[in-house]
Amino acid sequence: VEEAEELVALDAALEELRAVHPRGAQVVDCRFFAGLTLEETAGVLGVSSKTVQRDWEVARAWLRKEVAGALGLFPDEPGRG
């Protein structure tokens, strides 16, 4: 899979994440794009570090699944590929 395809799929998945889990998308922005720690992200968002950790784990898993599905990496899964 080409890197450009992966970036397009990631961008689309991030936009969808913003719609379905806005704080999760904010956590991704802080952690991935700004390079903040869990504690720093918690401070920025005004939530606990535990909440950030949960949101980070959920958002990463969700994005991984969405991007893989968009790239056709789950051909045997119903509704995918």
PDB file of N, CA and C in Angstrom:
ATOM      1  N   VAL A   1       0.857  -1.179   0.000  1.00  0.00           N
ATOM      2  CA  VAL A   1       0.000   0.000   0.000  1.00  0.00           C
ATOM      3  C   VAL A   1       0.897   1.234   0.000  1.00  0.00           C
ATOM      4  N   GLU A   2       0.556   2.165  -0.829  1.00  0.00           N
ATOM      5  CA  GLU A   2       1.368   3.374  -0.926  1.00  0.00           C
ATOM      6  C   GLU A   2       1.137   4.284   0.264  1.00  0.00           C
ATOM      7  N   GLU A   3       2.186   5.016   0.607  1.00  0.00           N
ATOM      8  CA  GLU A   3       2.114   5.928   1.749  1.00  0.00           C
ATOM      9  C   GLU A   3       1.021   6.983   1.546  1.00  0.00           C
ATOM     10  N   ALA A   4       0.863   7.463   0.324  1.00  0.00           N
ATOM     11  CA  ALA A   4      -0.164   8.481   0.047  1.00  0.00           C
ATOM     12  C   ALA A   4      -1.559   7.933   0.359  1.00  0.00           C
ATOM     13  N   GLU A   5      -1.815   6.683  -0.003  1.00  0.00           N
ATOM     14  CA  GLU A   5      -3.107   6.057   0.286  1.00  0.00           C
ATOM     15  C   GLU A   5      -3.331   5.958   1.794  1.00  0.00           C
ATOM     16  N   GLU A   6      -2.277   5.611   2.518  1.00  0.00           N
ATOM     17  CA  GLU A   6      -2.380   5.513   3.969  1.00  0.00           C
ATOM     18  C   GLU A   6      -2.700   6.860   4.587  1.00  0.00           C
ATOM     19  N   LEU A   7      -2.056   7.924   4.091  1.00  0.00           N
ATOM     20  CA  LEU A   7      -2.304   9.263   4.631  1.00  0.00           C
ATOM     21  C   LEU A   7      -3.720   9.736   4.340  1.00  0.00           C
ATOM     22  N   VAL A   8      -4.211   9.450   3.150  1.00  0.00           N
ATOM     23  CA  VAL A   8      -5.585   9.820   2.803  1.00  0.00           C
ATOM     24  C   VAL A   8      -6.563   9.062   3.693  1.00  0.00           C
ATOM     25  N   ALA A   9      -6.315   7.773   3.897  1.00  0.00           N
ATOM     26  CA  ALA A   9      -7.187   6.968   4.754  1.00  0.00           C
ATOM     27  C   ALA A   9      -7.133   7.454   6.195  1.00  0.00           C
ATOM     28  N   LEU A  10      -5.945   7.817   6.678  1.00  0.00           N
ATOM     29  CA  LEU A  10      -5.808   8.326   8.032  1.00  0.00           C
ATOM     30  C   LEU A  10      -6.533   9.656   8.196  1.00  0.00           C
ATOM     31  N   ASP A  11      -6.396  10.538   7.227  1.00  0.00           N
ATOM     32  CA  ASP A  11      -7.075  11.837   7.295  1.00  0.00           C
ATOM     33  C   ASP A  11      -8.591  11.645   7.347  1.00  0.00           C
ATOM     34  N   ALA A  12      -9.115  10.771   6.505  1.00  0.00           N
ATOM     35  CA  ALA A  12     -10.560  10.511   6.497  1.00  0.00           C
ATOM     36  C   ALA A  12     -11.005   9.909   7.827  1.00  0.00           C
ATOM     37  N   ALA A  13     -10.218   8.988   8.357  1.00  0.00           N
ATOM     38  CA  ALA A  13     -10.558   8.363   9.635  1.00  0.00           C
ATOM     39  C   ALA A  13     -10.514   9.383  10.772  1.00  0.00           C
ATOM     40  N   LEU A  14      -9.553  10.287  10.751  1.00  0.00           N
ATOM     41  CA  LEU A  14      -9.471  11.336  11.778  1.00  0.00           C
ATOM     42  C   LEU A  14     -10.688  12.257  11.720  1.00  0.00           C
ATOM     43  N   GLU A  15     -11.126  12.587  10.525  1.00  0.00           N
ATOM     44  CA  GLU A  15     -12.321  13.429  10.388  1.00  0.00           C
ATOM     45  C   GLU A  15     -13.553  12.720  10.941  1.00  0.00           C
ATOM     46  N   GLU A  16     -13.660  11.435  10.666  1.00  0.00           N
ATOM     47  CA  GLU A  16     -14.788  10.662  11.197  1.00  0.00           C
ATOM     48  C   GLU A  16     -14.698  10.554  12.717  1.00  0.00           C
ATOM     49  N   LEU A  17     -13.484  10.357  13.226  1.00  0.00           N
ATOM     50  CA  LEU A  17     -13.289  10.286  14.672  1.00  0.00           C
ATOM     51  C   LEU A  17     -13.721  11.599  15.325  1.00  0.00           C
ATOM     52  N   ARG A  18     -13.418  12.720  14.696  1.00  0.00           N
ATOM     53  CA  ARG A  18     -13.833  14.022  15.233  1.00  0.00           C
ATOM     54  C   ARG A  18     -15.351  14.093  15.387  1.00  0.00           C
ATOM     55  N   ALA A  19     -16.072  13.448  14.488  1.00  0.00           N
ATOM     56  CA  ALA A  19     -17.539  13.460  14.528  1.00  0.00           C
ATOM     57  C   ALA A  19     -18.088  12.523  15.602  1.00  0.00           C
ATOM     58  N   VAL A  20     -17.472  11.345  15.766  1.00  0.00           N
ATOM     59  CA  VAL A  20     -18.024  10.349  16.684  1.00  0.00           C
ATOM     60  C   VAL A  20     -17.413  10.388  18.082  1.00  0.00           C
ATOM     61  N   HIS A  21     -16.205  10.897  18.204  1.00  0.00           N
ATOM     62  CA  HIS A  21     -15.533  10.945  19.519  1.00  0.00           C
ATOM     63  C   HIS A  21     -14.597  12.158  19.534  1.00  0.00           C
ATOM     64  N   PRO A  22     -15.187  13.355  19.676  1.00  0.00           N
ATOM     65  CA  PRO A  22     -14.378  14.580  19.583  1.00  0.00           C
ATOM     66  C   PRO A  22     -13.203  14.635  20.551  1.00  0.00           C
ATOM     67  N   ARG A  23     -13.402  14.231  21.808  1.00  0.00           N
ATOM     68  CA  ARG A  23     -12.283  14.291  22.749  1.00  0.00           C
ATOM     69  C   ARG A  23     -11.194  13.301  22.358  1.00  0.00           C
ATOM     70  N   GLY A  24     -11.576  12.141  21.845  1.00  0.00           N
ATOM     71  CA  GLY A  24     -10.581  11.184  21.373  1.00  0.00           C
ATOM     72  C   GLY A  24      -9.734  11.783  20.261  1.00  0.00           C
ATOM     73  N   ALA A  25     -10.375  12.528  19.371  1.00  0.00           N
ATOM     74  CA  ALA A  25      -9.639  13.193  18.296  1.00  0.00           C
ATOM     75  C   ALA A  25      -8.712  14.270  18.857  1.00  0.00           C
ATOM     76  N   GLN A  26      -9.169  14.974  19.885  1.00  0.00           N
ATOM     77  CA  GLN A  26      -8.311  15.975  20.528  1.00  0.00           C
ATOM     78  C   GLN A  26      -7.093  15.316  21.171  1.00  0.00           C
ATOM     79  N   VAL A  27      -7.306  14.162  21.768  1.00  0.00           N
ATOM     80  CA  VAL A  27      -6.196  13.429  22.382  1.00  0.00           C
ATOM     81  C   VAL A  27      -5.187  13.021  21.303  1.00  0.00           C
ATOM     82  N   VAL A  28      -5.681  12.540  20.167  1.00  0.00           N
ATOM     83  CA  VAL A  28      -4.776  12.180  19.066  1.00  0.00           C
ATOM     84  C   VAL A  28      -3.988  13.401  18.620  1.00  0.00           C
ATOM     85  N   ASP A  29      -4.672  14.525  18.472  1.00  0.00           N
ATOM     86  CA  ASP A  29      -3.976  15.753  18.072  1.00  0.00           C
ATOM     87  C   ASP A  29      -2.862  16.103  19.053  1.00  0.00           C
ATOM     88  N   CYS A  30      -3.187  16.069  20.339  1.00  0.00           N
ATOM     89  CA  CYS A  30      -2.197  16.423  21.365  1.00  0.00           C
ATOM     90  C   CYS A  30      -1.044  15.428  21.423  1.00  0.00           C
ATOM     91  N   ARG A  31      -1.374  14.145  21.431  1.00  0.00           N
ATOM     92  CA  ARG A  31      -0.347  13.111  21.614  1.00  0.00           C
ATOM     93  C   ARG A  31       0.479  12.911  20.346  1.00  0.00           C
ATOM     94  N   PHE A  32      -0.196  12.735  19.220  1.00  0.00           N
ATOM     95  CA  PHE A  32       0.505  12.368  17.988  1.00  0.00           C
ATOM     96  C   PHE A  32       1.101  13.578  17.286  1.00  0.00           C
ATOM     97  N   PHE A  33       0.303  14.611  17.113  1.00  0.00           N
ATOM     98  CA  PHE A  33       0.763  15.753  16.328  1.00  0.00           C
ATOM     99  C   PHE A  33       1.554  16.763  17.150  1.00  0.00           C
ATOM    100  N   ALA A  34       1.175  16.973  18.413  1.00  0.00           N
ATOM    101  CA  ALA A  34       1.890  17.944  19.250  1.00  0.00           C
ATOM    102  C   ALA A  34       2.960  17.287  20.111  1.00  0.00           C
ATOM    103  N   GLY A  35       2.925  15.949  20.231  1.00  0.00           N
ATOM    104  CA  GLY A  35       3.944  15.237  20.993  1.00  0.00           C
ATOM    105  C   GLY A  35       3.825  15.397  22.500  1.00  0.00           C
ATOM    106  N   LEU A  36       2.620  15.711  22.985  1.00  0.00           N
ATOM    107  CA  LEU A  36       2.429  15.894  24.420  1.00  0.00           C
ATOM    108  C   LEU A  36       2.365  14.555  25.154  1.00  0.00           C
ATOM    109  N   THR A  37       2.745  14.553  26.402  1.00  0.00           N
ATOM    110  CA  THR A  37       2.625  13.366  27.246  1.00  0.00           C
ATOM    111  C   THR A  37       1.168  13.205  27.660  1.00  0.00           C
ATOM    112  N   LEU A  38       0.873  12.078  28.306  1.00  0.00           N
ATOM    113  CA  LEU A  38      -0.478  11.866  28.839  1.00  0.00           C
ATOM    114  C   LEU A  38      -0.841  12.978  29.819  1.00  0.00           C
ATOM    115  N   GLU A  39       0.094  13.309  30.690  1.00  0.00           N
ATOM    116  CA  GLU A  39      -0.154  14.324  31.707  1.00  0.00           C
ATOM    117  C   GLU A  39      -0.352  15.707  31.089  1.00  0.00           C
ATOM    118  N   GLU A  40       0.480  16.044  30.117  1.00  0.00           N
ATOM    119  CA  GLU A  40       0.338  17.330  29.439  1.00  0.00           C
ATOM    120  C   GLU A  40      -0.998  17.422  28.704  1.00  0.00           C
ATOM    121  N   THR A  41      -1.365  16.336  28.049  1.00  0.00           N
ATOM    122  CA  THR A  41      -2.642  16.291  27.331  1.00  0.00           C
ATOM    123  C   THR A  41      -3.800  16.457  28.306  1.00  0.00           C
ATOM    124  N   ALA A  42      -3.710  15.793  29.447  1.00  0.00           N
ATOM    125  CA  ALA A  42      -4.753  15.913  30.467  1.00  0.00           C
ATOM    126  C   ALA A  42      -4.902  17.364  30.907  1.00  0.00           C
ATOM    127  N   GLY A  43      -3.783  18.039  31.108  1.00  0.00           N
ATOM    128  CA  GLY A  43      -3.820  19.440  31.504  1.00  0.00           C
ATOM    129  C   GLY A  43      -4.462  20.325  30.450  1.00  0.00           C
ATOM    130  N   VAL A  44      -4.114  20.087  29.193  1.00  0.00           N
ATOM    131  CA  VAL A  44      -4.672  20.877  28.093  1.00  0.00           C
ATOM    132  C   VAL A  44      -6.181  20.666  27.984  1.00  0.00           C
ATOM    133  N   LEU A  45      -6.620  19.421  28.132  1.00  0.00           N
ATOM    134  CA  LEU A  45      -8.028  19.094  27.944  1.00  0.00           C
ATOM    135  C   LEU A  45      -8.858  19.223  29.221  1.00  0.00           C
ATOM    136  N   GLY A  46      -8.189  19.388  30.368  1.00  0.00           N
ATOM    137  CA  GLY A  46      -8.919  19.533  31.625  1.00  0.00           C
ATOM    138  C   GLY A  46      -9.586  18.267  32.107  1.00  0.00           C
ATOM    139  N   VAL A  47      -8.939  17.127  31.846  1.00  0.00           N
ATOM    140  CA  VAL A  47      -9.435  15.828  32.305  1.00  0.00           C
ATOM    141  C   VAL A  47      -8.294  15.095  33.004  1.00  0.00           C
ATOM    142  N   SER A  48      -8.593  13.938  33.574  1.00  0.00           N
ATOM    143  CA  SER A  48      -7.549  13.175  34.264  1.00  0.00           C
ATOM    144  C   SER A  48      -6.637  12.451  33.268  1.00  0.00           C
ATOM    145  N   SER A  49      -5.457  12.095  33.746  1.00  0.00           N
ATOM    146  CA  SER A  49      -4.523  11.313  32.922  1.00  0.00           C
ATOM    147  C   SER A  49      -5.122   9.967  32.549  1.00  0.00           C
ATOM    148  N   LYS A  50      -5.887   9.376  33.473  1.00  0.00           N
ATOM    149  CA  LYS A  50      -6.537   8.085  33.195  1.00  0.00           C
ATOM    150  C   LYS A  50      -7.529   8.214  32.049  1.00  0.00           C
ATOM    151  N   THR A  51      -8.280   9.319  32.040  1.00  0.00           N
ATOM    152  CA  THR A  51      -9.243   9.555  30.961  1.00  0.00           C
ATOM    153  C   THR A  51      -8.515   9.697  29.633  1.00  0.00           C
ATOM    154  N   VAL A  52      -7.408  10.439  29.633  1.00  0.00           N
ATOM    155  CA  VAL A  52      -6.612  10.599  28.419  1.00  0.00           C
ATOM    156  C   VAL A  52      -6.083   9.249  27.964  1.00  0.00           C
ATOM    157  N   GLN A  53      -5.598   8.447  28.898  1.00  0.00           N
ATOM    158  CA  GLN A  53      -5.067   7.125  28.536  1.00  0.00           C
ATOM    159  C   GLN A  53      -6.143   6.266  27.879  1.00  0.00           C
ATOM    160  N   ARG A  54      -7.339   6.254  28.466  1.00  0.00           N
ATOM    161  CA  ARG A  54      -8.441   5.472  27.870  1.00  0.00           C
ATOM    162  C   ARG A  54      -8.802   6.000  26.491  1.00  0.00           C
ATOM    163  N   ASP A  55      -8.955   7.320  26.375  1.00  0.00           N
ATOM    164  CA  ASP A  55      -9.297   7.910  25.085  1.00  0.00           C
ATOM    165  C   ASP A  55      -8.229   7.621  24.036  1.00  0.00           C
ATOM    166  N   TRP A  56      -6.968   7.691  24.436  1.00  0.00           N
ATOM    167  CA  TRP A  56      -5.837   7.428  23.532  1.00  0.00           C
ATOM    168  C   TRP A  56      -5.885   5.986  23.021  1.00  0.00           C
ATOM    169  N   GLU A  57      -6.102   5.043  23.926  1.00  0.00           N
ATOM    170  CA  GLU A  57      -6.151   3.630  23.530  1.00  0.00           C
ATOM    171  C   GLU A  57      -7.330   3.356  22.607  1.00  0.00           C
ATOM    172  N   VAL A  58      -8.494   3.895  22.943  1.00  0.00           N
ATOM    173  CA  VAL A  58      -9.689   3.697  22.119  1.00  0.00           C
ATOM    174  C   VAL A  58      -9.500   4.344  20.748  1.00  0.00           C
ATOM    175  N   ALA A  59      -9.019   5.572  20.730  1.00  0.00           N
ATOM    176  CA  ALA A  59      -8.836   6.289  19.464  1.00  0.00           C
ATOM    177  C   ALA A  59      -7.827   5.584  18.561  1.00  0.00           C
ATOM    178  N   ARG A  60      -6.720   5.131  19.132  1.00  0.00           N
ATOM    179  CA  ARG A  60      -5.708   4.437  18.326  1.00  0.00           C
ATOM    180  C   ARG A  60      -6.272   3.154  17.726  1.00  0.00           C
ATOM    181  N   ALA A  61      -6.976   2.371  18.539  1.00  0.00           N
ATOM    182  CA  ALA A  61      -7.550   1.124  18.034  1.00  0.00           C
ATOM    183  C   ALA A  61      -8.586   1.408  16.953  1.00  0.00           C
ATOM    184  N   TRP A  62      -9.418   2.406  17.195  1.00  0.00           N
ATOM    185  CA  TRP A  62     -10.467   2.763  16.238  1.00  0.00           C
ATOM    186  C   TRP A  62      -9.843   3.218  14.920  1.00  0.00           C
ATOM    187  N   LEU A  63      -8.834   4.095  15.007  1.00  0.00           N
ATOM    188  CA  LEU A  63      -8.174   4.572  13.797  1.00  0.00           C
ATOM    189  C   LEU A  63      -7.486   3.439  13.042  1.00  0.00           C
ATOM    190  N   ARG A  64      -6.832   2.568  13.784  1.00  0.00           N
ATOM    191  CA  ARG A  64      -6.151   1.425  13.153  1.00  0.00           C
ATOM    192  C   ARG A  64      -7.142   0.588  12.351  1.00  0.00           C
ATOM    193  N   LYS A  65      -8.299   0.315  12.964  1.00  0.00           N
ATOM    194  CA  LYS A  65      -9.323  -0.501  12.290  1.00  0.00           C
ATOM    195  C   LYS A  65      -9.895   0.222  11.078  1.00  0.00           C
ATOM    196  N   GLU A  66     -10.197   1.502  11.224  1.00  0.00           N
ATOM    197  CA  GLU A  66     -10.763   2.271  10.119  1.00  0.00           C
ATOM    198  C   GLU A  66      -9.793   2.383   8.948  1.00  0.00           C
ATOM    199  N   VAL A  67      -8.541   2.675   9.225  1.00  0.00           N
ATOM    200  CA  VAL A  67      -7.546   2.818   8.164  1.00  0.00           C
ATOM    201  C   VAL A  67      -7.322   1.473   7.476  1.00  0.00           C
ATOM    202  N   ALA A  68      -7.182   0.422   8.249  1.00  0.00           N
ATOM    203  CA  ALA A  68      -6.985  -0.908   7.657  1.00  0.00           C
ATOM    204  C   ALA A  68      -8.172  -1.292   6.785  1.00  0.00           C
ATOM    205  N   GLY A  69      -9.384  -0.995   7.259  1.00  0.00           N
ATOM    206  CA  GLY A  69     -10.577  -1.295   6.476  1.00  0.00           C
ATOM    207  C   GLY A  69     -10.615  -0.495   5.187  1.00  0.00           C
ATOM    208  N   ALA A  70     -10.270   0.774   5.255  1.00  0.00           N
ATOM    209  CA  ALA A  70     -10.264   1.632   4.066  1.00  0.00           C
ATOM    210  C   ALA A  70      -9.234   1.171   3.044  1.00  0.00           C
ATOM    211  N   LEU A  71      -8.165   0.568   3.526  1.00  0.00           N
ATOM    212  CA  LEU A  71      -7.110   0.089   2.634  1.00  0.00           C
ATOM    213  C   LEU A  71      -7.351  -1.348   2.171  1.00  0.00           C
ATOM    214  N   GLY A  72      -8.477  -1.930   2.610  1.00  0.00           N
ATOM    215  CA  GLY A  72      -8.806  -3.287   2.181  1.00  0.00           C
ATOM    216  C   GLY A  72      -7.962  -4.363   2.818  1.00  0.00           C
ATOM    217  N   LEU A  73      -7.517  -4.129   4.044  1.00  0.00           N
ATOM    218  CA  LEU A  73      -6.663  -5.111   4.702  1.00  0.00           C
ATOM    219  C   LEU A  73      -7.443  -6.159   5.484  1.00  0.00           C
ATOM    220  N   PHE A  74      -8.790  -6.056   5.467  1.00  0.00           N
ATOM    221  CA  PHE A  74      -9.651  -7.045   6.127  1.00  0.00           C
ATOM    222  C   PHE A  74     -10.605  -7.649   5.118  1.00  0.00           C
ATOM    223  N   PRO A  75     -10.111  -8.314   4.070  1.00  0.00           N
ATOM    224  CA  PRO A  75     -10.997  -8.796   3.003  1.00  0.00           C
ATOM    225  C   PRO A  75     -11.995  -9.855   3.440  1.00  0.00           C
ATOM    226  N   ASP A  76     -11.708 -10.619   4.505  1.00  0.00           N
ATOM    227  CA  ASP A  76     -12.606 -11.679   4.923  1.00  0.00           C
ATOM    228  C   ASP A  76     -13.655 -11.221   5.924  1.00  0.00           C
ATOM    229  N   GLU A  77     -13.518 -10.001   6.432  1.00  0.00           N
ATOM    230  CA  GLU A  77     -14.447  -9.498   7.425  1.00  0.00           C
ATOM    231  C   GLU A  77     -15.709  -8.959   6.735  1.00  0.00           C
ATOM    232  N   PRO A  78     -16.888  -9.356   7.208  1.00  0.00           N
ATOM    233  CA  PRO A  78     -18.129  -8.879   6.568  1.00  0.00           C
ATOM    234  C   PRO A  78     -18.178  -7.359   6.552  1.00  0.00           C
ATOM    235  N   GLY A  79     -18.582  -6.791   5.419  1.00  0.00           N
ATOM    236  CA  GLY A  79     -18.706  -5.348   5.312  1.00  0.00           C
ATOM    237  C   GLY A  79     -17.406  -4.644   5.000  1.00  0.00           C
ATOM    238  N   ARG A  80     -16.338  -5.386   4.845  1.00  0.00           N
ATOM    239  CA  ARG A  80     -15.031  -4.776   4.559  1.00  0.00           C
ATOM    240  C   ARG A  80     -14.478  -5.354   3.264  1.00  0.00           C
ATOM    241  N   GLY A  81     -13.574  -4.567   2.659  1.00  0.00           N
ATOM    242  CA  GLY A  81     -12.827  -5.037   1.499  1.00  0.00           C
ATOM    243  C   GLY A  81     -13.678  -5.230   0.332  1.00  0.00           C
TER     244      GLY A  81
END
